[in-house]
C-alpha atoms as a PDB file:
ATOM      1  CA  MET A   1      -1.848 -24.023   3.279  1.00  0.00           C
ATOM      2  CA  ARG A   2      -3.879 -21.654   5.006  1.00  0.00           C
ATOM      3  CA  VAL A   3      -2.858 -17.994   4.637  1.00  0.00           C
ATOM      4  CA  ILE A   4      -4.499 -15.139   6.606  1.00  0.00           C
ATOM      5  CA  VAL A   5      -4.183 -11.476   4.236  1.00  0.00           C
ATOM      6  CA  ALA A   6      -5.497  -8.397   6.188  1.00  0.00           C
ATOM      7  CA  GLY A   7      -4.271  -4.742   6.684  1.00  0.00           C
ATOM      8  CA  ALA A   8      -5.684  -1.221   6.136  1.00  0.00           C
ATOM      9  CA  THR A   9      -9.000  -0.709   5.477  1.00  0.00           C
ATOM     10  CA  GLY A  10      -7.842   2.276   2.852  1.00  0.00           C
ATOM     11  CA  TRP A  11      -4.802   0.295   1.364  1.00  0.00           C
ATOM     12  CA  THR A  12      -5.488   0.529  -2.440  1.00  0.00           C
ATOM     13  CA  ASP A  13      -2.020  -1.547  -3.832  1.00  0.00           C
ATOM     14  CA  GLU A  14      -3.501  -4.290  -5.343  1.00  0.00           C
ATOM     15  CA  THR A  15      -0.230  -4.775  -7.418  1.00  0.00           C
ATOM     16  CA  ALA A  16       1.293  -5.562  -3.824  1.00  0.00           C
ATOM     17  CA  ILE A  17      -1.361  -8.249  -3.060  1.00  0.00           C
ATOM     18  CA  ARG A  18      -1.121  -9.872  -5.940  1.00  0.00           C
ATOM     19  CA  ARG A  19       2.624  -9.965  -6.353  1.00  0.00           C
ATOM     20  CA  GLU A  20       2.814 -12.114  -2.845  1.00  0.00           C
ATOM     21  CA  LEU A  21      -0.692 -14.180  -3.663  1.00  0.00           C
ATOM     22  CA  GLU A  22       1.229 -15.010  -6.764  1.00  0.00           C
ATOM     23  CA  LYS A  23       3.951 -16.651  -4.562  1.00  0.00           C
ATOM     24  CA  LEU A  24       1.749 -18.801  -2.638  1.00  0.00           C
ATOM     25  CA  PRO A  25       1.156 -22.660  -3.736  1.00  0.00           C
ATOM     26  CA  PRO A  26      -1.725 -23.455  -5.805  1.00  0.00           C
ATOM     27  CA  GLY A  27      -4.480 -24.815  -3.557  1.00  0.00           C
ATOM     28  CA  THR A  28      -3.712 -22.598  -1.080  1.00  0.00           C
ATOM     29  CA  ILE A  29      -6.692 -20.832   0.730  1.00  0.00           C
ATOM     30  CA  VAL A  30      -7.005 -17.199   1.612  1.00  0.00           C
ATOM     31  CA  VAL A  31      -8.477 -16.677   4.700  1.00  0.00           C
ATOM     32  CA  HIS A  32      -9.393 -13.121   5.105  1.00  0.00           C
ATOM     33  CA  GLY A  33     -11.616 -10.682   7.407  1.00  0.00           C
ATOM     34  CA  ASP A  34     -14.311  -9.549   4.637  1.00  0.00           C
ATOM     35  CA  SER A  35     -13.607  -5.972   4.933  1.00  0.00           C
ATOM     36  CA  PRO A  36     -12.722  -3.186   2.261  1.00  0.00           C
ATOM     37  CA  GLY A  37      -9.164  -2.334   1.345  1.00  0.00           C
ATOM     38  CA  ALA A  38      -6.684  -4.934   1.792  1.00  0.00           C
ATOM     39  CA  ASP A  39      -9.040  -7.542   2.731  1.00  0.00           C
ATOM     40  CA  ALA A  40     -11.314  -6.959  -0.322  1.00  0.00           C
ATOM     41  CA  LEU A  41      -8.244  -6.776  -2.392  1.00  0.00           C
ATOM     42  CA  ALA A  42      -7.069  -9.843  -1.332  1.00  0.00           C
ATOM     43  CA  GLY A  43     -10.411 -12.063  -2.001  1.00  0.00           C
ATOM     44  CA  LYS A  44     -10.516 -10.577  -5.165  1.00  0.00           C
ATOM     45  CA  VAL A  45      -7.033 -10.953  -6.379  1.00  0.00           C
ATOM     46  CA  ALA A  46      -7.108 -14.866  -5.029  1.00  0.00           C
ATOM     47  CA  ARG A  47     -10.285 -15.865  -6.795  1.00  0.00           C
ATOM     48  CA  LEU A  48      -8.468 -14.334 -10.197  1.00  0.00           C
ATOM     49  CA  LEU A  49      -5.330 -16.423  -9.509  1.00  0.00           C
ATOM     50  CA  GLY A  50      -7.373 -19.787  -9.191  1.00  0.00           C
ATOM     51  CA  LEU A  51      -6.979 -19.805  -4.730  1.00  0.00           C
ATOM     52  CA  VAL A  52      -9.948 -20.699  -2.553  1.00  0.00           C
ATOM     53  CA  VAL A  53     -11.026 -17.694  -0.473  1.00  0.00           C
ATOM     54  CA  GLU A  54     -12.537 -17.858   2.852  1.00  0.00           C
ATOM     55  CA  PRO A  55     -13.965 -14.270   3.911  1.00  0.00           C
ATOM     56  CA  MET A  56     -14.787 -14.016   7.652  1.00  0.00           C
ATOM     57  CA  SER A  57     -17.197 -11.165   9.335  1.00  0.00           C
ATOM     58  CA  LYS A  58     -17.530 -10.340  12.694  1.00  0.00           C
ATOM     59  CA  ASN A  59     -20.632 -12.099  14.342  1.00  0.00           C
ATOM     60  CA  ALA A  60     -22.553 -12.111  16.929  1.00  0.00           C
ATOM     61  CA  ALA A  61     -20.352 -13.890  19.384  1.00  0.00           C
ATOM     62  CA  ASP A  62     -17.654 -11.254  18.594  1.00  0.00           C
ATOM     63  CA  ARG A  63     -19.742  -8.327  19.546  1.00  0.00           C
ATOM     64  CA  ALA A  64     -21.483  -9.913  23.061  1.00  0.00           C
ATOM     65  CA  ARG A  65     -17.573 -10.586  24.085  1.00  0.00           C
ATOM     66  CA  HIS A  66     -15.836  -7.446  22.369  1.00  0.00           C
ATOM     67  CA  GLY A  67     -18.189  -4.995  21.853  1.00  0.00           C
ATOM     68  CA  ARG A  68     -17.189  -2.044  19.736  1.00  0.00           C
ATOM     69  CA  VAL A  69     -14.055  -4.206  19.267  1.00  0.00           C
ATOM     70  CA  ALA A  70     -15.408  -7.261  17.754  1.00  0.00           C
ATOM     71  CA  TRP A  71     -12.749  -7.198  15.237  1.00  0.00           C
ATOM     72  CA  LYS A  72     -10.632  -8.843  18.337  1.00  0.00           C
ATOM     73  CA  GLY A  73     -12.996 -12.028  18.041  1.00  0.00           C
ATOM     74  CA  LEU A  74     -12.907 -12.239  14.736  1.00  0.00           C
ATOM     75  CA  ASN A  75      -9.088 -12.410  14.757  1.00  0.00           C
ATOM     76  CA  GLU A  76      -9.012 -14.865  17.274  1.00  0.00           C
ATOM     77  CA  ARG A  77     -11.203 -16.364  15.038  1.00  0.00           C
ATOM     78  CA  MET A  78      -9.357 -16.540  11.657  1.00  0.00           C
ATOM     79  CA  LEU A  79      -6.141 -17.295  13.640  1.00  0.00           C
ATOM     80  CA  ALA A  80      -7.883 -20.466  14.795  1.00  0.00           C
ATOM     81  CA  THR A  81      -8.515 -22.171  11.730  1.00  0.00           C
ATOM     82  CA  GLY A  82      -5.337 -23.135  11.350  1.00  0.00           C
ATOM     83  CA  VAL A  83      -3.285 -20.706   9.347  1.00  0.00           C
ATOM     84  CA  SER A  84       0.534 -20.905   8.975  1.00  0.00           C
ATOM     85  CA  ARG A  85       1.115 -17.547   7.570  1.00  0.00           C
ATOM     86  CA  ILE A  86       0.039 -13.854   7.902  1.00  0.00           C
ATOM     87  CA  LEU A  87       0.651 -11.575   5.120  1.00  0.00           C
ATOM     88  CA  ALA A  88      -0.108  -7.968   6.633  1.00  0.00           C
ATOM     89  CA  PHE A  89      -0.409  -4.988   4.001  1.00  0.00           C
ATOM     90  CA  HIS A  90      -0.659  -1.373   5.872  1.00  0.00           C
ATOM     91  CA  ARG A  91       1.511   1.894   5.301  1.00  0.00           C
ATOM     92  CA  ASP A  92       1.539   2.712   9.062  1.00  0.00           C
ATOM     93  CA  ILE A  93       1.152   0.107  11.259  1.00  0.00           C
ATOM     94  CA  ARG A  94       1.672   1.824  14.591  1.00  0.00           C
ATOM     95  CA  SER A  95      -1.802   3.270  14.134  1.00  0.00           C
ATOM     96  CA  SER A  96      -3.279   0.255  13.391  1.00  0.00           C
ATOM     97  CA  LYS A  97      -6.186  -1.663  15.629  1.00  0.00           C
ATOM     98  CA  GLY A  98      -7.282  -4.453  13.958  1.00  0.00           C
ATOM     99  CA  THR A  99      -4.172  -5.607  11.978  1.00  0.00           C
ATOM    100  CA  SER A 100      -1.728  -5.002  14.654  1.00  0.00           C
ATOM    101  CA  HIS A 101      -3.805  -6.938  17.216  1.00  0.00           C
ATOM    102  CA  LEU A 102      -3.937  -9.766  14.570  1.00  0.00           C
ATOM    103  CA  ILE A 103       0.011  -9.854  13.917  1.00  0.00           C
ATOM    104  CA  GLU A 104       0.216  -9.553  17.706  1.00  0.00           C
ATOM    105  CA  LEU A 105      -1.275 -12.815  18.507  1.00  0.00           C
ATOM    106  CA  ALA A 106       0.261 -14.534  15.683  1.00  0.00           C
ATOM    107  CA  MET A 107       3.179 -13.984  16.876  1.00  0.00           C
ATOM    108  CA  GLU A 108       2.278 -15.165  19.911  1.00  0.00           C
ATOM    109  CA  LEU A 109       1.287 -18.598  18.126  1.00  0.00           C
ATOM    110  CA  GLY A 110       4.415 -18.757  16.486  1.00  0.00           C
ATOM    111  CA  ILE A 111       2.688 -18.163  12.974  1.00  0.00           C
ATOM    112  CA  GLU A 112       5.104 -16.337  10.454  1.00  0.00           C
ATOM    113  CA  VAL A 113       4.260 -12.798  10.051  1.00  0.00           C
ATOM    114  CA  THR A 114       5.126 -10.647   6.408  1.00  0.00           C
ATOM    115  CA  LEU A 115       4.242  -6.846   6.909  1.00  0.00           C
ATOM    116  CA  PHE A 116       4.416  -4.530   3.982  1.00  0.00           C
ATOM    117  CA  ASN A 117       4.021  -1.161   4.345  1.00  0.00           C
ATOM    118  CA  GLY A 118       4.321  -0.119   0.691  1.00  0.00           C
END
């Protein structure tokens, strides 16, 4: 199983992330956007739980295509890795740009999304 964990850069609730990652089956691959907050915590917790972690970062192609909103390209590439689920951690999704974009794309693709708003 491949899961994207995403969310607010200001997310600090490691316990919530641990609780959800502990529910994943052994061998799950956790993909994240290599940003502070939810992404960094997910990587840390997943490693501690023995899950495989694949951090992905914005790249030159993302910047060339999307400019200042290169995170859109990153979201598209993360989804293209064949994930089956999104775990999103954001206290105010209405104010979100990156996480809400990821959720929107995932829903269009029929990928299961679970939002945790603390």
